[in-house]
């Protein structure tokens, strides 16, 4: 499912309610999925990929890496050791 304003609203609501421990994790995983979608749309689409020259490629890569960094920085310290989250971020950095 593509990331949408509805998913962002749900993440915001989960953050406000913060009823379950897993809420904090799912918020970060959803936001991470949004970055993955952007990576896929930028680099996996043959029409986009062929139009990317070296300069825009570096700019896109830097922008997307910044978004991944922002997601990681928003993760509370106690979730830094969560295997699902760490695996997802490491996988996305490889993309």
Protein backbone atom coordinates (compact mmCIF):
# COMPACT_ATOMS: atom_id res chain seq x y z
CA UNK A 1 0.00 0.00 0.00
CA UNK A 2 1.46 3.39 -0.94
CA UNK A 3 2.21 5.79 1.86
CA UNK A 4 -0.50 8.41 2.07
CA UNK A 5 -1.76 11.23 4.23
CA UNK A 6 -4.09 8.66 5.83
CA UNK A 7 -1.16 6.55 6.96
CA UNK A 8 0.65 9.65 8.25
CA UNK A 9 -2.50 10.65 10.15
CA UNK A 10 -2.73 7.15 11.64
CA UNK A 11 0.93 7.35 12.71
CA UNK A 12 0.33 10.74 14.31
CA UNK A 13 -2.72 9.39 16.16
CA UNK A 14 -0.77 6.33 17.35
CA UNK A 15 2.00 8.60 18.62
CA UNK A 16 -0.52 10.71 20.54
CA UNK A 17 -2.34 7.76 22.10
CA UNK A 18 0.80 5.66 22.67
CA UNK A 19 -1.24 2.86 24.23
CA UNK A 20 0.93 -0.10 23.27
CA UNK A 21 4.68 -0.55 23.17
CA UNK A 22 4.41 -1.76 19.57
CA UNK A 23 2.82 1.55 18.50
CA UNK A 24 6.21 3.25 18.64
CA UNK A 25 7.73 0.60 16.41
CA UNK A 26 4.97 0.53 13.81
CA UNK A 27 5.17 4.31 13.41
CA UNK A 28 8.87 4.08 12.48
CA UNK A 29 8.30 1.10 10.21
CA UNK A 30 5.55 2.97 8.33
CA UNK A 31 7.76 6.02 7.89
CA UNK A 32 10.60 3.79 6.79
CA UNK A 33 8.31 2.17 4.23
CA UNK A 34 7.58 5.64 2.86
CA UNK A 35 11.30 6.17 2.20
CA UNK A 36 11.54 2.71 0.58
CA UNK A 37 8.66 3.62 -1.72
CA UNK A 38 10.46 6.81 -2.74
CA UNK A 39 13.65 4.81 -3.39
CA UNK A 40 11.73 2.33 -5.54
CA UNK A 41 9.94 5.03 -7.50
CA UNK A 42 13.19 6.90 -8.09
CA UNK A 43 15.51 4.05 -9.03
CA UNK A 44 13.38 1.06 -10.05
CA UNK A 45 11.25 2.83 -12.65
CA UNK A 46 13.02 2.43 -16.03
CA UNK A 47 11.65 5.76 -17.24
CA UNK A 48 13.08 7.57 -14.20
CA UNK A 49 16.33 5.62 -14.10
CA UNK A 50 17.28 6.35 -17.68
CA UNK A 51 16.68 10.07 -17.14
CA UNK A 52 18.95 10.23 -14.08
CA UNK A 53 22.36 11.60 -14.89
CA UNK A 54 25.27 11.46 -12.45
CA UNK A 55 24.44 14.77 -10.76
CA UNK A 56 20.72 14.13 -10.15
CA UNK A 57 21.57 10.58 -9.10
CA UNK A 58 23.89 11.90 -6.39
CA UNK A 59 21.29 14.47 -5.34
CA UNK A 60 18.54 11.85 -5.12
CA UNK A 61 20.80 9.49 -3.20
CA UNK A 62 21.80 12.21 -0.72
CA UNK A 63 18.18 13.30 -0.24
CA UNK A 64 16.95 9.75 0.35
CA UNK A 65 19.85 8.98 2.71
CA UNK A 66 18.89 12.11 4.64
CA UNK A 67 15.33 10.84 4.94
CA UNK A 68 16.58 7.47 6.23
CA UNK A 69 18.78 9.30 8.73
CA UNK A 70 15.79 11.35 9.89
CA UNK A 71 13.75 8.20 10.46
CA UNK A 72 16.62 6.67 12.47
CA UNK A 73 17.08 9.84 14.52
CA UNK A 74 13.38 9.81 15.41
CA UNK A 75 13.71 6.31 16.89
CA UNK A 76 13.80 6.31 20.70
CA UNK A 77 17.01 4.90 22.20
CA UNK A 78 15.28 1.83 23.62
CA UNK A 79 14.20 0.80 20.09
CA UNK A 80 17.70 1.09 18.61
CA UNK A 81 18.30 -2.58 19.38
CA UNK A 82 15.00 -3.78 17.89
CA UNK A 83 15.97 -6.39 15.33
CA UNK A 84 13.07 -5.71 12.93
CA UNK A 85 13.79 -2.01 12.82
CA UNK A 86 17.57 -2.39 12.57
CA UNK A 87 17.21 -4.98 9.81
CA UNK A 88 14.78 -2.78 7.89
CA UNK A 89 17.01 0.28 8.05
CA UNK A 90 20.12 -1.68 7.11
CA UNK A 91 18.26 -3.24 4.17
CA UNK A 92 16.99 0.15 3.00
CA UNK A 93 20.46 1.66 3.13
CA UNK A 94 21.61 -1.09 0.79
CA UNK A 95 18.96 -0.12 -1.74
